[in-house]
Amino acid sequence: MNEKTQKLTFGALLVAVFGVLLLLNRQTGGMLEETFVFLFPIPMVAFSAKYGWKDSLPVFVCTVLISIFCGIFTSAFYAITQSFIGMVYGCCLHAKRDTTRTMLLVMVLSVISNLLSTFVLASLFGINIQEDIAYMQTSMHEMMEKFGANIDPRQMEAVDMLLRPDTLLRLLIVSMIFMGIMQGFIVCQLSLLILRRLRYPIQKPAPINAWFPPRWTGILAIMFYLFGSRYLGMPPTTGTEEIVRVAGQLGSLCAYMYLLGVGYIAVLLLLRAVGPSSRLVNMILSIILFMILPPVFLALGFAYISLGFHEWVNVKLAKRIAAEQALRENM
């Protein structure tokens, strides 16, 4: 089989796989759409990582057409944006770009896709985000009133300020950004796992402990979190005070997400260094701890960036890896 025929056959096969995912999503009434979001990029990643962007463009056009014909409008939007992200990621792998920068690019594209799907699609379908936020506010107020007898009145007043529509809207935007970042990370890791199984000649990504943000970002994040939190409960004002209030709210929320994310990395590395030897068990433990002890993750995130915890945990991890290798050699 010559090279052109092989490209055509491989591209048609991946477009068919993409179409099957769309049909499955349609037949299940969109119940699996949140799962398929992580699978839609993979066919384009597989093709573009092998052949590059010039040969990938016709395949991408085919995925766009099949998304329009086989999916409803919302699923077609998700499929097209995720297929584009897959093509960009695969082309970066084909060109052997820096893995860290490539992952950041995929995360940025995923964030943009999430924001567009939340606000643009909502407006096209006549969904009023403000009405949804008002309904959320009413529901949370009713829930708070049920338990209001056990809550201090000053705390209730602070909660009322926090549940203001403008604050909830900013919380929604920040959560969409955070979900986009996590989605991009999962897409990258899942794609690399599948490509390795298919024996693709791709470079190994840098280990997670090799990534280390600048120390000043930890200091800046903890300052935004500590000094910006007081703006979460402030009522709307006018002029310069309103600009400061909005900046404080957004800065505090972004700093909180940033420190939590880095804190999760710190806990995961700590479990690898001193915890069970099974990575699966460590992953499950880290998720459980993340759910019940977010303040600890916040503090460890700051310590990991700015207080030398990164160096300490890397030393512990290196010693454990060396001990495990020595044990395997002696067996």
Protein backbone atom coordinates (compact mmCIF):
# COMPACT_ATOMS: atom_id res chain seq x y z
CA MET A 1 0.00 0.00 0.00
CA ASN A 2 1.50 3.36 -1.04
CA GLU A 3 1.67 6.32 1.32
CA LYS A 4 -1.24 8.30 -0.18
CA THR A 5 -3.58 5.32 0.02
CA GLN A 6 -2.49 4.68 3.60
CA LYS A 7 -3.22 8.30 4.56
CA LEU A 8 -6.63 8.15 2.89
CA THR A 9 -7.54 4.86 4.56
CA PHE A 10 -6.31 5.91 7.99
CA GLY A 11 -8.12 9.27 7.75
CA ALA A 12 -11.37 7.60 6.67
CA LEU A 13 -11.09 5.11 9.53
CA LEU A 14 -10.65 7.88 12.12
CA VAL A 15 -13.52 9.93 10.66
CA ALA A 16 -15.68 6.80 10.93
CA VAL A 17 -14.68 6.39 14.59
CA PHE A 18 -15.54 10.04 15.15
CA GLY A 19 -18.94 9.51 13.52
CA VAL A 20 -19.65 6.45 15.68
CA LEU A 21 -19.01 8.54 18.81
CA LEU A 22 -21.45 11.17 17.54
CA LEU A 23 -24.12 8.57 16.79
CA LEU A 24 -23.68 6.94 20.20
CA ASN A 25 -24.01 10.33 21.83
CA ARG A 26 -27.18 11.04 19.84
CA GLN A 27 -28.76 7.64 20.53
CA THR A 28 -28.18 8.03 24.28
CA GLY A 29 -29.84 11.45 24.29
CA GLY A 30 -26.62 13.26 25.11
CA MET A 31 -26.22 11.45 28.44
CA LEU A 32 -22.62 10.56 27.61
CA GLU A 33 -21.72 13.94 26.12
CA GLU A 34 -19.62 15.00 29.11
CA THR A 35 -17.58 11.80 28.70
CA PHE A 36 -17.31 12.03 24.92
CA VAL A 37 -15.84 15.54 25.24
CA PHE A 38 -12.61 13.81 26.30
CA LEU A 39 -12.83 11.30 23.41
CA PHE A 40 -13.71 13.60 20.50
CA PRO A 41 -10.14 15.01 20.16
CA ILE A 42 -8.41 11.61 20.05
CA PRO A 43 -9.07 10.66 16.37
CA MET A 44 -7.63 13.98 15.19
CA VAL A 45 -4.72 13.69 17.61
CA ALA A 46 -3.89 10.26 16.19
CA PHE A 47 -3.95 11.45 12.57
CA SER A 48 -2.25 14.84 12.94
CA ALA A 49 0.46 13.43 15.21
CA LYS A 50 1.39 11.05 12.41
CA TYR A 51 1.01 13.23 9.31
CA GLY A 52 1.13 16.90 10.38
CA TRP A 53 -1.22 19.82 9.80
CA LYS A 54 -1.28 19.93 5.98
CA ASP A 55 -2.69 16.41 5.67
CA SER A 56 -4.86 16.91 8.75
CA LEU A 57 -6.93 19.81 7.38
CA PRO A 58 -9.04 17.65 4.99
CA VAL A 59 -9.69 15.16 7.77
CA PHE A 60 -10.72 17.99 10.08
CA VAL A 61 -13.14 19.30 7.44
CA CYS A 62 -14.65 15.80 7.23
CA THR A 63 -15.12 15.71 11.02
CA VAL A 64 -16.86 19.11 10.82
CA LEU A 65 -19.23 17.87 8.12
CA ILE A 66 -20.02 14.62 9.89
CA SER A 67 -20.62 16.57 13.13
CA ILE A 68 -23.21 18.72 11.34
CA PHE A 69 -24.94 15.73 9.72
CA CYS A 70 -24.83 13.26 12.62
CA GLY A 71 -25.15 15.43 15.71
CA ILE A 72 -27.51 17.99 17.15
CA PHE A 73 -26.33 21.60 17.33
CA THR A 74 -24.83 21.47 20.82
CA SER A 75 -23.05 18.15 20.31
CA ALA A 76 -21.82 19.37 16.90
CA PHE A 77 -20.32 22.45 18.57
CA TYR A 78 -18.55 20.33 21.19
CA ALA A 79 -17.37 17.84 18.57
CA ILE A 80 -16.00 20.51 16.21
CA THR A 81 -14.17 22.45 18.92
CA GLN A 82 -12.71 19.29 20.44
CA SER A 83 -11.70 18.01 17.00
CA PHE A 84 -9.89 21.31 16.39
CA ILE A 85 -8.14 21.03 19.76
CA GLY A 86 -7.13 17.47 18.85
CA MET A 87 -5.69 18.63 15.52
CA VAL A 88 -3.67 21.41 17.19
CA TYR A 89 -2.36 19.02 19.84
CA GLY A 90 -1.46 16.33 17.33
CA CYS A 91 0.34 18.82 15.07
CA CYS A 92 2.40 20.01 18.03
CA LEU A 93 3.33 16.40 18.79
CA HIS A 94 4.23 15.83 15.14
CA ALA A 95 6.48 18.92 15.18
CA LYS A 96 7.97 17.78 18.53
CA ARG A 97 7.12 21.02 20.30
CA ASP A 98 7.86 21.48 23.98
CA THR A 99 5.38 19.29 25.87
CA THR A 100 4.74 21.79 28.66
CA ARG A 101 3.94 24.64 26.28
CA THR A 102 1.81 22.32 24.17
CA MET A 103 -0.22 21.31 27.21
CA LEU A 104 -0.68 24.97 28.17
CA LEU A 105 -1.91 25.70 24.64
CA VAL A 106 -4.43 22.85 24.83
CA MET A 107 -5.62 24.11 28.23
CA VAL A 108 -6.12 27.64 26.86
CA LEU A 109 -8.11 26.29 23.89
CA SER A 110 -10.23 24.17 26.25
CA VAL A 111 -10.96 27.20 28.43
CA ILE A 112 -12.06 29.21 25.37
CA SER A 113 -14.26 26.30 24.25
CA ASN A 114 -15.87 26.06 27.70
CA LEU A 115 -16.60 29.79 27.88
CA LEU A 116 -18.05 29.83 24.37
CA SER A 117 -20.25 26.80 25.07
CA THR A 118 -21.52 28.37 28.31
CA PHE A 119 -22.36 31.85 27.09
CA VAL A 120 -22.60 31.79 23.27
CA LEU A 121 -24.65 28.59 23.03
CA ALA A 122 -26.86 29.74 25.89
CA SER A 123 -27.68 32.97 24.08
CA LEU A 124 -28.35 31.13 20.78
CA PHE A 125 -30.85 28.81 22.48
CA GLY A 126 -32.52 31.63 24.39
CA ILE A 127 -31.17 30.55 27.76
CA ASN A 128 -30.85 33.48 30.13
CA ILE A 129 -27.76 33.05 32.33
CA GLN A 130 -28.98 35.77 34.67
CA GLU A 131 -32.27 33.94 35.26
CA ASP A 132 -30.41 30.72 36.00
CA ILE A 133 -28.18 32.55 38.47
CA ALA A 134 -31.24 34.13 40.11
CA TYR A 135 -32.82 30.67 40.45
CA MET A 136 -29.59 29.36 41.95
CA GLN A 137 -29.55 32.26 44.38
CA THR A 138 -33.15 31.59 45.42
CA SER A 139 -32.49 27.86 45.91
CA MET A 140 -29.41 28.50 48.04
CA HIS A 141 -31.29 31.09 50.11
CA GLU A 142 -34.06 28.59 50.78
CA MET A 143 -31.51 25.99 51.82
CA MET A 144 -29.79 28.49 54.13
CA GLU A 145 -33.12 29.46 55.71
CA LYS A 146 -33.78 25.84 56.63
CA PHE A 147 -30.56 25.73 58.61
CA GLY A 148 -30.63 29.38 59.63
CA ALA A 149 -31.44 28.62 63.25
CA ASN A 150 -27.97 27.16 63.77
CA ILE A 151 -26.07 29.91 61.95
CA ASP A 152 -24.86 33.17 63.42
CA PRO A 153 -26.74 36.22 61.96
CA ARG A 154 -23.45 37.85 60.94
CA GLN A 155 -22.50 34.71 59.03
CA MET A 156 -25.91 34.73 57.34
CA GLU A 157 -25.34 38.33 56.27
CA ALA A 158 -21.93 37.44 54.84
CA VAL A 159 -23.46 34.48 52.97
CA ASP A 160 -26.17 36.78 51.55
CA MET A 161 -23.47 39.10 50.24
CA LEU A 162 -21.62 36.15 48.71
CA LEU A 163 -24.77 34.94 46.96
CA ARG A 164 -25.30 38.18 45.08
CA PRO A 165 -25.94 37.63 41.33
CA ASP A 166 -22.78 39.43 40.21
CA THR A 167 -20.62 37.38 42.58
CA LEU A 168 -22.27 34.13 41.45
CA LEU A 169 -21.65 35.09 37.82
CA ARG A 170 -17.95 35.56 38.52
CA LEU A 171 -17.89 32.24 40.36
CA LEU A 172 -19.44 30.62 37.28
CA ILE A 173 -16.82 32.15 34.97
CA VAL A 174 -13.92 31.11 37.19
CA SER A 175 -15.32 27.58 37.53
CA MET A 176 -15.63 27.33 33.73
CA ILE A 177 -12.00 28.39 33.40
CA PHE A 178 -10.91 25.85 36.00
CA MET A 179 -12.92 23.08 34.31
CA GLY A 180 -11.36 23.99 30.96
CA ILE A 181 -7.87 23.70 32.43
CA MET A 182 -8.66 20.29 33.91
CA GLN A 183 -10.29 19.17 30.64
CA GLY A 184 -7.23 20.16 28.63
CA PHE A 185 -4.96 18.31 31.04
CA ILE A 186 -7.06 15.12 30.87
CA VAL A 187 -7.23 15.26 27.06
CA CYS A 188 -3.43 15.53 26.86
CA GLN A 189 -2.80 12.66 29.26
CA LEU A 190 -5.44 10.39 27.71
CA SER A 191 -4.17 11.08 24.19
CA LEU A 192 -0.57 10.32 25.17
CA LEU A 193 -1.65 7.08 26.83
CA ILE A 194 -3.49 5.91 23.71
CA LEU A 195 -0.73 7.00 21.32
CA ARG A 196 1.85 5.07 23.33
CA ARG A 197 -0.37 1.99 23.16
CA LEU A 198 -0.45 2.46 19.37
CA ARG A 199 3.37 2.68 19.39
CA TYR A 200 3.55 6.23 18.12
CA PRO A 201 7.08 7.72 18.15
CA ILE A 202 6.25 10.61 20.48
CA GLN A 203 8.50 12.23 23.02
CA LYS A 204 7.92 11.49 26.68
CA PRO A 205 6.33 14.36 28.62
CA ALA A 206 8.28 15.92 31.44
CA PRO A 207 7.42 14.35 34.82
CA ILE A 208 5.03 16.33 36.96
CA ASN A 209 7.70 16.98 39.62
CA ALA A 210 9.84 18.71 36.96
CA TRP A 211 7.23 21.44 36.60
CA PHE A 212 7.84 24.25 39.04
CA PRO A 213 6.16 27.69 38.84
CA PRO A 214 8.08 30.87 39.76
CA ARG A 215 8.25 31.52 43.51
CA TRP A 216 6.77 34.98 43.18
CA THR A 217 3.52 33.51 41.82
CA GLY A 218 2.90 31.75 45.15
CA ILE A 219 3.45 34.94 47.13
CA LEU A 220 1.22 36.90 44.75
CA ALA A 221 -1.49 34.22 44.88
CA ILE A 222 -1.59 34.05 48.68
CA MET A 223 -1.74 37.85 48.86
CA PHE A 224 -4.64 37.96 46.40
CA TYR A 225 -6.40 35.20 48.31
CA LEU A 226 -5.97 36.75 51.77
CA PHE A 227 -6.62 40.37 50.85
CA GLY A 228 -9.12 39.72 48.07
CA SER A 229 -11.40 37.45 50.10
CA ARG A 230 -12.87 40.41 51.94
CA TYR A 231 -14.26 41.73 48.67
CA LEU A 232 -16.37 38.60 48.14
CA GLY A 233 -18.95 39.80 50.64
CA MET A 234 -18.93 43.47 49.69
CA PRO A 235 -22.05 44.98 48.10
CA PRO A 236 -21.78 46.65 44.67
CA THR A 237 -20.47 50.22 44.66
CA THR A 238 -19.65 52.74 41.96
CA GLY A 239 -16.57 54.22 40.34
CA THR A 240 -13.11 53.18 41.39
CA GLU A 241 -14.37 51.22 44.42
CA GLU A 242 -16.41 48.95 42.14
CA ILE A 243 -13.36 48.27 39.94
CA VAL A 244 -11.34 47.39 43.04
CA ARG A 245 -14.15 45.14 44.31
CA VAL A 246 -14.44 43.23 41.04
CA ALA A 247 -10.64 42.89 40.73
CA GLY A 248 -10.44 41.68 44.34
CA GLN A 249 -13.16 39.07 43.78
CA LEU A 250 -11.67 37.73 40.56
CA GLY A 251 -8.13 37.81 41.95
CA SER A 252 -9.17 35.94 45.08
CA LEU A 253 -11.06 33.24 43.17
CA CYS A 254 -8.27 32.71 40.61
CA ALA A 255 -5.64 32.60 43.38
CA TYR A 256 -7.74 30.05 45.28
CA MET A 257 -8.02 27.79 42.20
CA TYR A 258 -4.30 28.17 41.43
CA LEU A 259 -3.15 27.28 44.94
CA LEU A 260 -5.58 24.35 45.11
CA GLY A 261 -4.30 22.96 41.80
CA VAL A 262 -0.65 23.22 42.83
CA GLY A 263 -1.55 21.85 46.25
CA TYR A 264 -3.01 18.77 44.59
CA ILE A 265 0.28 18.23 42.74
CA ALA A 266 2.15 18.63 46.04
CA VAL A 267 -0.05 16.05 47.80
CA LEU A 268 0.23 13.62 44.89
CA LEU A 269 4.05 13.84 44.95
CA LEU A 270 4.08 13.52 48.73
CA LEU A 271 2.02 10.33 48.55
CA ARG A 272 4.37 8.94 45.90
CA ALA A 273 7.35 9.75 48.12
CA VAL A 274 6.10 8.46 51.48
CA GLY A 275 2.78 6.74 50.76
CA PRO A 276 1.72 3.45 49.16
CA SER A 277 3.69 2.19 46.17
CA SER A 278 0.56 1.89 44.00
CA ARG A 279 -0.06 4.98 41.87
CA LEU A 280 -3.73 4.10 41.58
CA VAL A 281 -4.12 4.05 45.37
CA ASN A 282 -2.26 7.37 45.62
CA MET A 283 -4.56 8.89 43.02
CA ILE A 284 -7.67 7.75 44.89
CA LEU A 285 -6.28 8.98 48.22
CA SER A 286 -5.38 12.37 46.77
CA ILE A 287 -8.89 12.82 45.34
CA ILE A 288 -10.52 11.87 48.67
CA LEU A 289 -8.25 14.23 50.62
CA PHE A 290 -8.92 16.98 48.08
CA MET A 291 -12.64 16.68 48.75
CA ILE A 292 -12.41 16.83 52.55
CA LEU A 293 -9.33 18.99 53.25
CA PRO A 294 -9.16 21.87 50.73
CA PRO A 295 -7.50 24.28 53.26
CA VAL A 296 -4.60 21.83 53.63
CA PHE A 297 -4.19 21.69 49.85
CA LEU A 298 -4.27 25.48 49.75
CA ALA A 299 -1.47 25.75 52.32
CA LEU A 300 0.60 23.02 50.66
CA GLY A 301 0.19 24.74 47.31
CA PHE A 302 1.75 27.91 48.72
CA ALA A 303 4.49 25.89 50.47
CA TYR A 304 5.22 23.97 47.25
CA ILE A 305 5.73 27.19 45.27
CA SER A 306 7.36 29.59 47.70
CA LEU A 307 8.61 27.78 50.83
CA GLY A 308 10.89 25.05 49.49
CA PHE A 309 8.41 22.16 49.78
CA HIS A 310 9.06 21.37 46.11
CA GLU A 311 12.76 20.65 46.76
CA TRP A 312 12.05 18.64 49.92
CA VAL A 313 9.46 16.37 48.33
CA ASN A 314 11.65 15.85 45.25
CA VAL A 315 14.52 14.66 47.44
CA LYS A 316 12.19 12.22 49.22
CA LEU A 317 10.79 11.02 45.89
CA ALA A 318 14.27 10.50 44.39
CA LYS A 319 15.34 8.44 47.43
CA ARG A 320 12.26 6.24 47.15
CA ILE A 321 12.75 5.68 43.41
CA ALA A 322 16.41 4.77 43.99
CA ALA A 323 15.44 2.36 46.79
CA GLU A 324 12.82 0.68 44.57
CA GLN A 325 15.30 0.30 41.71
CA ALA A 326 17.90 -1.20 44.04
CA LEU A 327 15.30 -3.63 45.37
CA ARG A 328 14.35 -4.75 41.84
CA GLU A 329 18.02 -5.27 40.91
CA ASN A 330 18.62 -7.43 43.98
CA MET A 331 15.63 -9.66 43.32
